[in-house]
N, C-alpha and C. Protein backbone atom coordinates (compact mmCIF):
# COMPACT_ATOMS: atom_id res chain seq x y z
N UNK A 1 142.24 36.50 9.87
CA UNK A 1 142.70 35.37 10.59
C UNK A 1 142.25 35.40 11.90
N UNK A 2 142.17 36.36 12.53
CA UNK A 2 141.65 36.22 14.15
C UNK A 2 140.47 35.52 14.37
N UNK A 3 139.47 35.68 13.32
CA UNK A 3 138.30 34.99 13.56
C UNK A 3 138.41 33.39 13.31
N UNK A 4 139.27 32.91 12.36
CA UNK A 4 139.59 31.57 12.24
C UNK A 4 140.25 31.04 13.47
N UNK A 5 141.02 31.82 14.02
CA UNK A 5 141.82 31.25 15.33
C UNK A 5 140.85 31.24 16.52
N UNK A 6 139.84 32.16 16.47
CA UNK A 6 138.94 31.95 17.61
C UNK A 6 137.98 30.88 17.34
N UNK A 7 137.58 30.71 16.29
CA UNK A 7 136.66 29.55 15.68
C UNK A 7 137.27 28.26 16.16
N UNK A 8 138.70 28.09 15.74
CA UNK A 8 139.46 26.91 16.14
C UNK A 8 139.40 26.66 17.68
N UNK A 9 139.69 27.78 18.34
CA UNK A 9 139.70 27.83 19.80
C UNK A 9 138.38 27.29 20.29
N UNK A 10 137.25 27.65 19.74
CA UNK A 10 136.01 27.37 20.37
C UNK A 10 135.79 25.77 20.01
N UNK A 11 136.26 25.33 18.95
CA UNK A 11 135.95 23.89 18.61
C UNK A 11 136.92 23.03 19.66
N UNK A 12 137.94 23.61 20.08
CA UNK A 12 139.01 22.95 21.10
C UNK A 12 138.17 22.88 22.44
N UNK A 13 137.59 24.23 22.81
CA UNK A 13 136.81 24.16 24.07
C UNK A 13 135.63 23.19 24.14
N UNK A 14 134.99 22.99 22.98
CA UNK A 14 133.83 22.04 22.80
C UNK A 14 134.48 20.76 23.12
N UNK A 15 135.56 20.31 22.35
CA UNK A 15 136.09 19.06 22.46
C UNK A 15 136.60 18.69 23.92
N UNK A 16 137.22 19.91 24.59
CA UNK A 16 137.59 19.62 26.01
C UNK A 16 136.42 19.26 26.91
N UNK A 17 135.33 20.27 26.60
CA UNK A 17 134.21 20.06 27.45
C UNK A 17 133.64 18.56 27.27
N UNK A 18 133.40 17.99 26.16
CA UNK A 18 132.70 16.82 25.95
C UNK A 18 133.77 15.72 26.68
N UNK A 19 134.99 15.83 26.62
CA UNK A 19 135.99 14.97 27.08
C UNK A 19 135.98 15.01 28.66
N UNK A 20 135.61 16.25 29.22
CA UNK A 20 135.72 16.31 30.66
C UNK A 20 134.37 15.54 31.06
N UNK A 21 133.26 15.79 30.40
CA UNK A 21 132.07 15.12 30.60
C UNK A 21 132.20 13.64 30.50
N UNK A 22 132.75 13.24 29.59
CA UNK A 22 133.02 11.78 29.23
C UNK A 22 133.87 11.15 30.44
N UNK A 23 135.07 11.86 30.88
CA UNK A 23 135.99 11.37 31.91
C UNK A 23 135.29 11.43 33.22
N UNK A 24 134.47 12.37 33.49
CA UNK A 24 133.74 12.44 34.57
C UNK A 24 132.87 11.37 35.06
N UNK A 25 132.14 10.86 33.96
CA UNK A 25 131.21 9.77 33.91
C UNK A 25 131.65 8.47 33.48
N UNK A 26 132.83 8.42 33.17
CA UNK A 26 133.28 7.17 32.58
C UNK A 26 133.04 5.86 33.53
N UNK A 27 133.43 6.07 34.72
CA UNK A 27 133.28 5.06 35.61
C UNK A 27 131.70 4.60 35.73
N UNK A 28 130.77 5.53 35.75
CA UNK A 28 129.39 5.05 35.86
C UNK A 28 128.95 4.44 34.42
N UNK A 29 129.47 4.99 33.50
CA UNK A 29 129.06 4.29 32.17
C UNK A 29 129.77 3.03 32.00
N UNK A 30 130.87 2.68 32.51
CA UNK A 30 131.35 1.39 32.45
C UNK A 30 130.47 0.43 33.32
N UNK A 31 130.11 0.81 34.53
CA UNK A 31 129.22 0.05 35.36
C UNK A 31 127.98 -0.30 34.69
N UNK A 32 127.36 0.84 34.18
CA UNK A 32 126.04 0.58 33.38
C UNK A 32 126.25 -0.36 32.30
N UNK A 33 127.27 -0.14 31.47
CA UNK A 33 127.46 -1.11 30.41
C UNK A 33 127.78 -2.44 30.75
N UNK A 34 128.66 -2.71 31.93
CA UNK A 34 128.74 -4.04 32.41
C UNK A 34 127.49 -4.66 32.97
N UNK A 35 126.72 -3.97 33.52
CA UNK A 35 125.29 -4.43 34.00
C UNK A 35 124.55 -4.83 33.05
N UNK A 36 124.30 -4.14 31.87
CA UNK A 36 123.58 -4.39 30.71
C UNK A 36 124.17 -5.63 29.87
N UNK A 37 125.46 -5.65 29.67
CA UNK A 37 125.98 -6.69 28.83
C UNK A 37 126.43 -8.09 29.44
N UNK A 38 126.64 -7.89 30.88
CA UNK A 38 127.07 -8.96 31.68
C UNK A 38 128.49 -9.42 31.42
N UNK A 39 129.27 -8.41 30.96
CA UNK A 39 130.69 -8.77 30.56
C UNK A 39 131.58 -7.36 30.61
N UNK A 40 132.43 -7.39 31.48
CA UNK A 40 133.35 -6.22 31.94
C UNK A 40 134.30 -5.75 30.61
N UNK A 41 134.51 -6.91 29.82
CA UNK A 41 135.62 -6.60 28.83
C UNK A 41 134.67 -6.00 27.74
N UNK A 42 133.44 -6.44 27.44
CA UNK A 42 132.75 -5.87 26.53
C UNK A 42 132.20 -4.53 26.82
N UNK A 43 131.98 -4.11 28.26
CA UNK A 43 131.58 -3.04 28.70
C UNK A 43 132.75 -1.82 28.44
N UNK A 44 134.08 -2.25 28.54
CA UNK A 44 135.08 -1.49 28.16
C UNK A 44 135.15 -1.06 26.66
N UNK A 45 134.87 -1.96 25.66
CA UNK A 45 134.80 -1.88 24.25
C UNK A 45 133.69 -0.79 24.07
N UNK A 46 132.52 -1.10 24.61
CA UNK A 46 131.27 -0.32 24.49
C UNK A 46 131.49 1.16 24.83
N UNK A 47 131.92 1.43 25.89
CA UNK A 47 132.45 2.67 26.38
C UNK A 47 133.23 3.45 25.50
N UNK A 48 134.23 2.77 25.02
CA UNK A 48 135.38 3.31 24.19
C UNK A 48 134.55 3.74 22.77
N UNK A 49 133.64 2.80 22.28
CA UNK A 49 132.85 3.11 21.24
C UNK A 49 132.01 4.37 21.38
N UNK A 50 131.43 4.42 22.69
CA UNK A 50 130.71 5.55 22.95
C UNK A 50 131.47 6.73 22.73
N UNK A 51 132.61 6.84 23.40
CA UNK A 51 133.51 7.98 23.38
C UNK A 51 133.91 8.36 21.92
N UNK A 52 134.19 7.40 21.04
CA UNK A 52 134.39 7.67 19.56
C UNK A 52 133.22 8.43 18.99
N UNK A 53 132.03 7.90 19.18
CA UNK A 53 130.83 8.45 18.74
C UNK A 53 130.44 9.90 19.30
N UNK A 54 130.54 9.97 20.66
CA UNK A 54 130.22 11.29 21.34
C UNK A 54 131.16 12.34 20.96
N UNK A 55 132.42 11.94 20.78
CA UNK A 55 133.45 13.04 20.43
C UNK A 55 133.09 13.77 19.16
N UNK A 56 132.43 13.17 18.40
CA UNK A 56 132.09 13.80 17.05
C UNK A 56 130.91 14.72 17.08
N UNK A 57 130.07 14.61 18.26
CA UNK A 57 128.78 15.35 18.31
C UNK A 57 129.11 16.66 18.60
N UNK A 58 128.34 17.60 18.47
CA UNK A 58 128.15 18.98 18.94
C UNK A 58 127.51 19.09 20.31
N UNK A 59 128.23 19.07 21.37
CA UNK A 59 127.58 18.96 22.69
C UNK A 59 126.73 19.98 23.02
N UNK A 60 126.90 21.20 22.38
CA UNK A 60 125.82 22.18 22.76
C UNK A 60 124.50 22.04 22.31
N UNK A 61 124.37 21.04 21.31
CA UNK A 61 123.14 20.77 20.70
C UNK A 61 122.48 19.64 21.69
N UNK A 62 123.07 19.03 22.42
CA UNK A 62 122.42 18.06 23.27
C UNK A 62 122.01 18.66 24.64
N UNK A 63 120.81 18.39 24.73
CA UNK A 63 120.01 19.16 26.08
C UNK A 63 120.48 18.38 27.39
N UNK A 64 120.67 16.89 27.34
CA UNK A 64 121.11 16.32 28.45
C UNK A 64 122.22 15.23 28.09
N UNK A 65 123.36 15.84 28.06
CA UNK A 65 124.45 14.88 27.56
C UNK A 65 124.75 13.72 28.26
N UNK A 66 124.58 13.72 29.74
CA UNK A 66 124.87 12.32 30.30
C UNK A 66 123.83 11.37 29.94
N UNK A 67 122.41 11.83 29.86
CA UNK A 67 121.26 10.79 29.52
C UNK A 67 121.63 10.42 27.90
N UNK A 68 122.11 11.35 27.22
CA UNK A 68 122.64 10.99 25.73
C UNK A 68 123.83 9.78 25.81
N UNK A 69 124.75 10.10 26.71
CA UNK A 69 125.76 9.01 26.77
C UNK A 69 125.06 7.69 27.27
N UNK A 70 124.25 7.73 28.16
CA UNK A 70 123.72 6.44 28.63
C UNK A 70 122.87 5.68 27.66
N UNK A 71 122.11 6.54 26.84
CA UNK A 71 121.33 5.91 25.84
C UNK A 71 122.38 5.44 24.75
N UNK A 72 123.30 6.02 24.51
CA UNK A 72 124.32 5.41 23.49
C UNK A 72 124.95 4.15 24.05
N UNK A 73 125.24 4.10 25.23
CA UNK A 73 125.57 2.68 25.88
C UNK A 73 124.62 1.74 25.69
N UNK A 74 123.36 1.86 25.91
CA UNK A 74 122.31 1.02 25.91
C UNK A 74 122.18 0.55 24.44
N UNK A 75 122.03 1.56 23.72
CA UNK A 75 121.97 1.16 22.29
C UNK A 75 123.05 0.34 21.72
N UNK A 76 124.36 0.64 22.11
CA UNK A 76 125.30 -0.42 21.70
C UNK A 76 125.50 -1.68 22.22
N UNK A 77 124.88 -1.75 23.42
CA UNK A 77 124.82 -3.07 24.21
C UNK A 77 123.87 -3.93 23.36
N UNK A 78 122.58 -3.22 23.02
CA UNK A 78 121.48 -3.99 22.26
C UNK A 78 122.09 -4.33 20.80
N UNK A 79 122.83 -3.50 20.15
CA UNK A 79 123.38 -3.81 18.91
C UNK A 79 124.31 -5.10 19.03
N UNK A 80 125.23 -5.04 20.10
CA UNK A 80 126.14 -6.11 20.28
C UNK A 80 125.35 -7.43 20.41
N UNK A 81 124.29 -7.44 21.12
CA UNK A 81 123.66 -8.62 21.66
C UNK A 81 122.99 -9.18 20.12
N UNK A 82 122.43 -8.29 19.33
CA UNK A 82 121.75 -8.68 18.18
C UNK A 82 122.81 -9.12 17.33
N UNK A 83 123.96 -8.80 17.19
CA UNK A 83 124.91 -9.01 16.39
C UNK A 83 125.45 -10.37 16.74
N UNK A 84 125.54 -10.58 18.04
CA UNK A 84 126.13 -11.86 18.49
C UNK A 84 125.15 -12.97 18.23
N UNK A 85 123.76 -12.79 18.38
CA UNK A 85 122.80 -13.56 17.94
C UNK A 85 122.79 -14.10 16.57
N UNK A 86 123.05 -13.06 15.61
CA UNK A 86 123.17 -13.40 14.26
C UNK A 86 124.46 -14.24 14.00
N UNK A 87 125.55 -13.79 14.51
CA UNK A 87 126.61 -14.63 14.29
C UNK A 87 126.63 -15.81 14.88
N UNK A 88 125.96 -16.20 15.98
CA UNK A 88 125.64 -17.55 16.42
C UNK A 88 124.82 -18.42 15.53
N UNK A 89 123.91 -17.73 14.60
CA UNK A 89 123.07 -18.53 13.89
C UNK A 89 123.81 -18.91 12.66
N UNK A 90 124.96 -18.10 12.36
CA UNK A 90 125.49 -18.39 10.88
C UNK A 90 126.13 -19.76 10.93
N UNK A 91 125.97 -20.51 9.88
CA UNK A 91 126.53 -21.66 9.83
C UNK A 91 125.71 -22.90 10.34
N UNK A 92 124.63 -22.58 10.65
CA UNK A 92 123.73 -23.57 11.25
C UNK A 92 122.85 -24.17 10.23
N UNK A 93 122.28 -25.41 10.43
CA UNK A 93 121.60 -26.10 9.46
C UNK A 93 120.04 -25.30 9.46
N UNK A 94 119.76 -24.66 8.45
CA UNK A 94 118.29 -24.13 8.34
C UNK A 94 117.34 -25.09 8.57
N UNK A 95 117.21 -26.13 8.02
CA UNK A 95 116.11 -27.16 8.22
C UNK A 95 116.24 -27.75 9.68
N UNK A 96 117.20 -27.99 10.19
CA UNK A 96 117.43 -28.53 11.52
C UNK A 96 116.77 -27.42 12.51
N UNK A 97 117.03 -26.22 12.24
CA UNK A 97 116.62 -25.06 13.24
C UNK A 97 115.13 -25.01 13.01
N UNK A 98 114.56 -24.87 11.88
CA UNK A 98 113.25 -24.70 11.58
C UNK A 98 112.29 -25.80 11.97
N UNK A 99 112.87 -27.02 12.03
CA UNK A 99 112.04 -28.10 12.21
C UNK A 99 111.71 -28.04 13.52
N UNK A 100 112.54 -27.44 14.53
CA UNK A 100 112.09 -27.48 16.06
C UNK A 100 111.24 -26.11 16.21
N UNK A 101 111.08 -25.26 15.36
CA UNK A 101 110.43 -24.06 15.63
C UNK A 101 108.89 -24.22 15.45
N UNK A 102 108.10 -23.58 16.42
CA UNK A 102 106.55 -23.63 16.13
C UNK A 102 106.22 -22.84 14.96
N UNK A 103 105.19 -23.25 14.14
CA UNK A 103 104.90 -22.41 12.99
C UNK A 103 104.10 -21.29 13.08
N UNK A 104 103.79 -20.94 14.36
CA UNK A 104 103.19 -19.68 14.69
C UNK A 104 101.59 -19.71 14.43
N UNK A 105 101.20 -20.84 14.03
CA UNK A 105 99.77 -21.15 13.93
C UNK A 105 99.07 -21.42 15.24
N UNK A 106 98.05 -20.88 15.55
CA UNK A 106 97.09 -21.14 16.64
C UNK A 106 96.25 -22.29 16.36
N UNK A 107 96.37 -23.22 17.30
CA UNK A 107 95.36 -24.59 17.05
C UNK A 107 94.01 -24.05 17.34
N UNK A 108 92.96 -24.74 16.79
CA UNK A 108 91.59 -24.44 17.02
C UNK A 108 91.14 -24.52 18.52
N UNK A 109 91.89 -25.44 19.29
CA UNK A 109 91.59 -25.31 20.71
C UNK A 109 92.09 -24.01 21.44
N UNK A 110 93.34 -23.71 21.02
CA UNK A 110 93.80 -22.39 21.71
C UNK A 110 92.97 -21.30 21.13
N UNK A 111 92.50 -21.21 20.08
CA UNK A 111 91.55 -20.13 19.57
C UNK A 111 90.26 -20.05 20.46
N UNK A 112 89.69 -21.21 20.87
CA UNK A 112 88.56 -21.25 21.43
C UNK A 112 88.86 -21.01 22.81
N UNK A 113 89.96 -21.31 23.48
CA UNK A 113 90.40 -20.91 24.84
C UNK A 113 90.43 -19.43 24.95
N UNK A 114 91.19 -18.88 24.06
CA UNK A 114 91.42 -17.38 24.13
C UNK A 114 90.14 -16.49 23.88
N UNK A 115 89.24 -17.10 23.15
CA UNK A 115 87.95 -16.37 23.01
C UNK A 115 87.30 -16.50 24.36
N UNK A 116 87.08 -17.75 24.87
CA UNK A 116 86.50 -17.88 26.11
C UNK A 116 87.08 -16.89 27.29
N UNK A 117 88.46 -16.90 27.29
CA UNK A 117 89.16 -16.06 28.39
C UNK A 117 88.89 -14.65 28.07
N UNK A 118 88.68 -14.35 26.98
CA UNK A 118 88.37 -12.74 26.54
C UNK A 118 86.89 -12.46 26.96
N UNK A 119 85.96 -13.28 26.69
CA UNK A 119 84.58 -13.22 27.03
C UNK A 119 84.38 -13.06 28.56
N UNK A 120 85.27 -13.82 29.35
CA UNK A 120 85.15 -13.81 30.82
C UNK A 120 85.71 -12.54 31.35
N UNK A 121 86.76 -12.09 30.66
CA UNK A 121 87.37 -10.61 31.15
C UNK A 121 86.28 -9.52 30.67
N UNK A 122 85.76 -9.67 29.60
CA UNK A 122 84.87 -8.68 29.14
C UNK A 122 83.48 -8.60 30.07
N UNK A 123 83.13 -9.92 30.32
CA UNK A 123 82.07 -9.86 31.40
C UNK A 123 82.38 -9.42 32.77
N UNK A 124 83.57 -9.72 33.11
CA UNK A 124 84.09 -9.20 34.47
C UNK A 124 84.22 -7.63 34.46
N UNK A 125 84.56 -7.03 33.35
CA UNK A 125 84.65 -5.62 33.27
C UNK A 125 83.23 -5.11 33.36
N UNK A 126 82.20 -5.68 32.55
CA UNK A 126 80.87 -5.38 32.68
C UNK A 126 80.17 -5.44 33.98
N UNK A 127 80.72 -6.34 34.73
CA UNK A 127 79.99 -6.49 36.10
C UNK A 127 80.87 -5.66 37.27
N UNK A 128 81.62 -4.92 36.80
CA UNK A 128 82.35 -4.07 37.87
C UNK A 128 81.30 -3.15 38.48
N UNK A 129 81.19 -3.06 39.81
CA UNK A 129 80.20 -2.21 40.41
C UNK A 129 80.48 -0.72 40.15
N UNK A 130 81.54 -0.13 39.94
CA UNK A 130 81.78 1.21 39.68
C UNK A 130 81.77 1.61 38.17
N UNK A 131 80.80 2.21 37.75
CA UNK A 131 80.62 2.55 36.21
C UNK A 131 81.92 3.38 35.68
N UNK A 132 82.53 4.20 36.66
CA UNK A 132 83.74 4.83 36.07
C UNK A 132 84.97 4.06 36.02
N UNK A 133 84.91 3.09 36.86
CA UNK A 133 85.94 1.87 36.46
C UNK A 133 85.74 1.20 35.23
N UNK A 134 84.58 0.84 35.00
CA UNK A 134 84.40 0.17 33.67
C UNK A 134 84.64 0.97 32.53
N UNK A 135 84.33 2.26 32.61
CA UNK A 135 84.57 3.26 31.57
C UNK A 135 85.94 3.49 31.37
N UNK A 136 86.74 3.77 32.67
CA UNK A 136 88.04 3.95 32.47
C UNK A 136 88.97 2.88 31.94
N UNK A 137 88.60 1.57 32.13
CA UNK A 137 89.31 0.48 31.71
C UNK A 137 89.04 0.31 30.13
N UNK A 138 87.73 0.44 29.85
CA UNK A 138 87.35 0.39 28.22
C UNK A 138 88.04 1.75 27.60
N UNK A 139 88.02 2.83 27.99
CA UNK A 139 88.78 4.02 27.26
C UNK A 139 90.17 3.76 27.18
N UNK A 140 90.89 3.14 28.18
CA UNK A 140 92.32 3.04 28.37
C UNK A 140 92.66 1.74 27.35
N UNK A 141 92.05 0.73 27.64
CA UNK A 141 92.50 -0.58 26.94
C UNK A 141 91.96 -0.75 25.50
N UNK A 142 90.74 -0.28 25.27
CA UNK A 142 90.13 -0.59 24.08
C UNK A 142 90.04 0.63 23.06
N UNK A 143 89.94 1.77 23.85
CA UNK A 143 89.93 3.04 22.77
C UNK A 143 91.44 3.64 22.74
N UNK A 144 92.38 3.30 23.61
CA UNK A 144 93.68 3.80 23.40
C UNK A 144 93.96 5.09 24.09
N UNK A 145 93.00 5.67 24.75
CA UNK A 145 93.20 7.03 25.47
C UNK A 145 94.36 6.93 26.57
N UNK A 146 94.90 8.18 26.80
CA UNK A 146 95.89 8.44 28.11
C UNK A 146 95.33 8.57 29.12
N UNK A 147 95.90 8.24 30.24
CA UNK A 147 95.26 8.51 31.68
C UNK A 147 94.71 9.92 31.72
N UNK A 148 95.51 11.02 31.25
CA UNK A 148 95.22 12.37 31.48
C UNK A 148 93.72 12.61 30.63
N UNK A 149 93.72 11.89 29.45
CA UNK A 149 92.45 12.12 28.59
C UNK A 149 91.37 11.52 29.31
N UNK A 150 91.59 10.43 29.97
CA UNK A 150 90.42 9.69 30.52
C UNK A 150 90.07 10.50 31.80
N UNK A 151 90.96 11.09 32.42
CA UNK A 151 90.92 11.94 33.73
C UNK A 151 90.01 13.10 33.35
N UNK A 152 90.23 13.84 32.21
CA UNK A 152 89.61 14.89 31.91
C UNK A 152 88.12 14.49 31.37
N UNK A 153 87.89 13.40 30.71
CA UNK A 153 86.69 12.85 30.35
C UNK A 153 85.81 12.54 31.51
N UNK A 154 86.25 11.81 32.51
CA UNK A 154 85.61 11.43 33.61
C UNK A 154 85.46 12.53 34.66
N UNK A 155 86.30 13.61 34.66
CA UNK A 155 86.27 14.55 35.58
C UNK A 155 86.97 14.12 36.90
N UNK A 156 87.91 13.17 36.93
CA UNK A 156 88.62 12.71 37.94
C UNK A 156 90.21 12.97 37.91
N UNK A 157 90.89 12.77 38.82
CA UNK A 157 92.32 13.02 38.62
C UNK A 157 93.01 11.99 38.01
N UNK A 158 94.17 12.22 37.61
CA UNK A 158 95.02 11.11 36.88
C UNK A 158 95.23 10.03 37.88
N UNK A 159 95.44 10.21 39.05
CA UNK A 159 95.83 9.33 40.03
C UNK A 159 94.55 8.46 40.33
N UNK A 160 93.54 9.03 40.41
CA UNK A 160 92.26 8.08 40.75
C UNK A 160 92.15 7.31 39.50
N UNK A 161 92.08 7.87 38.16
CA UNK A 161 91.94 7.01 37.06
C UNK A 161 92.86 5.86 37.15
N UNK A 162 94.26 6.10 37.31
CA UNK A 162 95.29 5.09 37.44
C UNK A 162 94.77 3.99 38.45
N UNK A 163 94.48 4.50 39.53
CA UNK A 163 93.92 3.56 40.58
C UNK A 163 92.81 2.72 40.15
N UNK A 164 91.69 3.19 39.48
CA UNK A 164 90.82 2.53 39.04
C UNK A 164 90.97 1.42 38.05
N UNK A 165 91.95 1.82 37.05
CA UNK A 165 92.28 0.94 36.00
C UNK A 165 93.18 -0.21 36.62
N UNK A 166 94.10 0.25 37.52
CA UNK A 166 94.89 -0.80 38.26
C UNK A 166 93.99 -1.87 38.94
N UNK A 167 93.23 -1.41 39.75
CA UNK A 167 92.29 -2.22 40.56
C UNK A 167 91.40 -3.13 39.59
N UNK A 168 90.92 -2.63 38.58
CA UNK A 168 90.15 -3.35 37.56
C UNK A 168 90.89 -4.53 36.90
N UNK A 169 92.24 -4.03 36.58
CA UNK A 169 93.20 -5.14 35.90
C UNK A 169 93.45 -6.10 36.88
N UNK A 170 93.44 -5.94 38.11
CA UNK A 170 93.77 -7.03 39.16
C UNK A 170 92.63 -8.15 39.09
N UNK A 171 91.44 -7.65 38.90
CA UNK A 171 90.18 -8.40 38.86
C UNK A 171 90.36 -9.17 37.45
N UNK A 172 90.49 -8.55 36.51
CA UNK A 172 90.59 -9.09 35.15
C UNK A 172 91.75 -10.15 35.06
N UNK A 173 92.97 -9.79 35.75
CA UNK A 173 94.01 -10.81 35.75
C UNK A 173 93.53 -12.12 36.48
N UNK A 174 92.98 -11.97 37.47
CA UNK A 174 92.43 -13.01 38.45
C UNK A 174 91.39 -13.90 37.77
N UNK A 175 90.51 -13.20 36.88
CA UNK A 175 89.53 -13.96 36.21
C UNK A 175 90.30 -14.77 35.05
N UNK A 176 91.32 -14.19 34.34
CA UNK A 176 92.15 -14.93 33.40
C UNK A 176 92.75 -16.07 33.81
N UNK A 177 93.56 -15.66 34.94
CA UNK A 177 94.20 -17.06 35.59
C UNK A 177 93.29 -18.16 36.29
N UNK A 178 92.43 -17.58 36.89
CA UNK A 178 91.40 -18.71 37.57
C UNK A 178 90.35 -19.24 36.63
N UNK A 179 90.19 -18.60 35.61
CA UNK A 179 89.27 -19.06 34.67
C UNK A 179 87.69 -19.10 35.16
N UNK A 180 87.47 -18.04 36.14
CA UNK A 180 86.16 -17.71 36.70
C UNK A 180 85.07 -17.48 35.91
């Protein structure tokens, strides 16, 4: 019997610890939820729902409980916004709504313009004076390598690789916007 009593005490201590954590950070969670949702009343409901979900968790298995709480708040705000969007669409005339929507098809003119813009950007990358910059941009954007992988491949620091890519993307963005 003594083992069961101590086990129950442990559960009570866990509950108390999670409640203390929640109470300590409740105001900041409310502020965060209000910022994300834009509604103080909804923020109250969200933070209450977070507590109901969080109180069921085994807090000792959570490595960063405060971050976990903030993530729960963010996820519940996103869920609420999605639900409101679906509820807002209920009862609307499907034909009327879809008639105003674009069909998602690209026109032949848009297709040609996109291809021309891409060719200008590829030409801009090819004409960059620093071969490491050209290679870094291609490895990052076309091959999908991470900055640290590119840095190791080129024998540069991650900061330098980031700078090369960022400077190159400024050039590409200018070419795309100006149509040079």
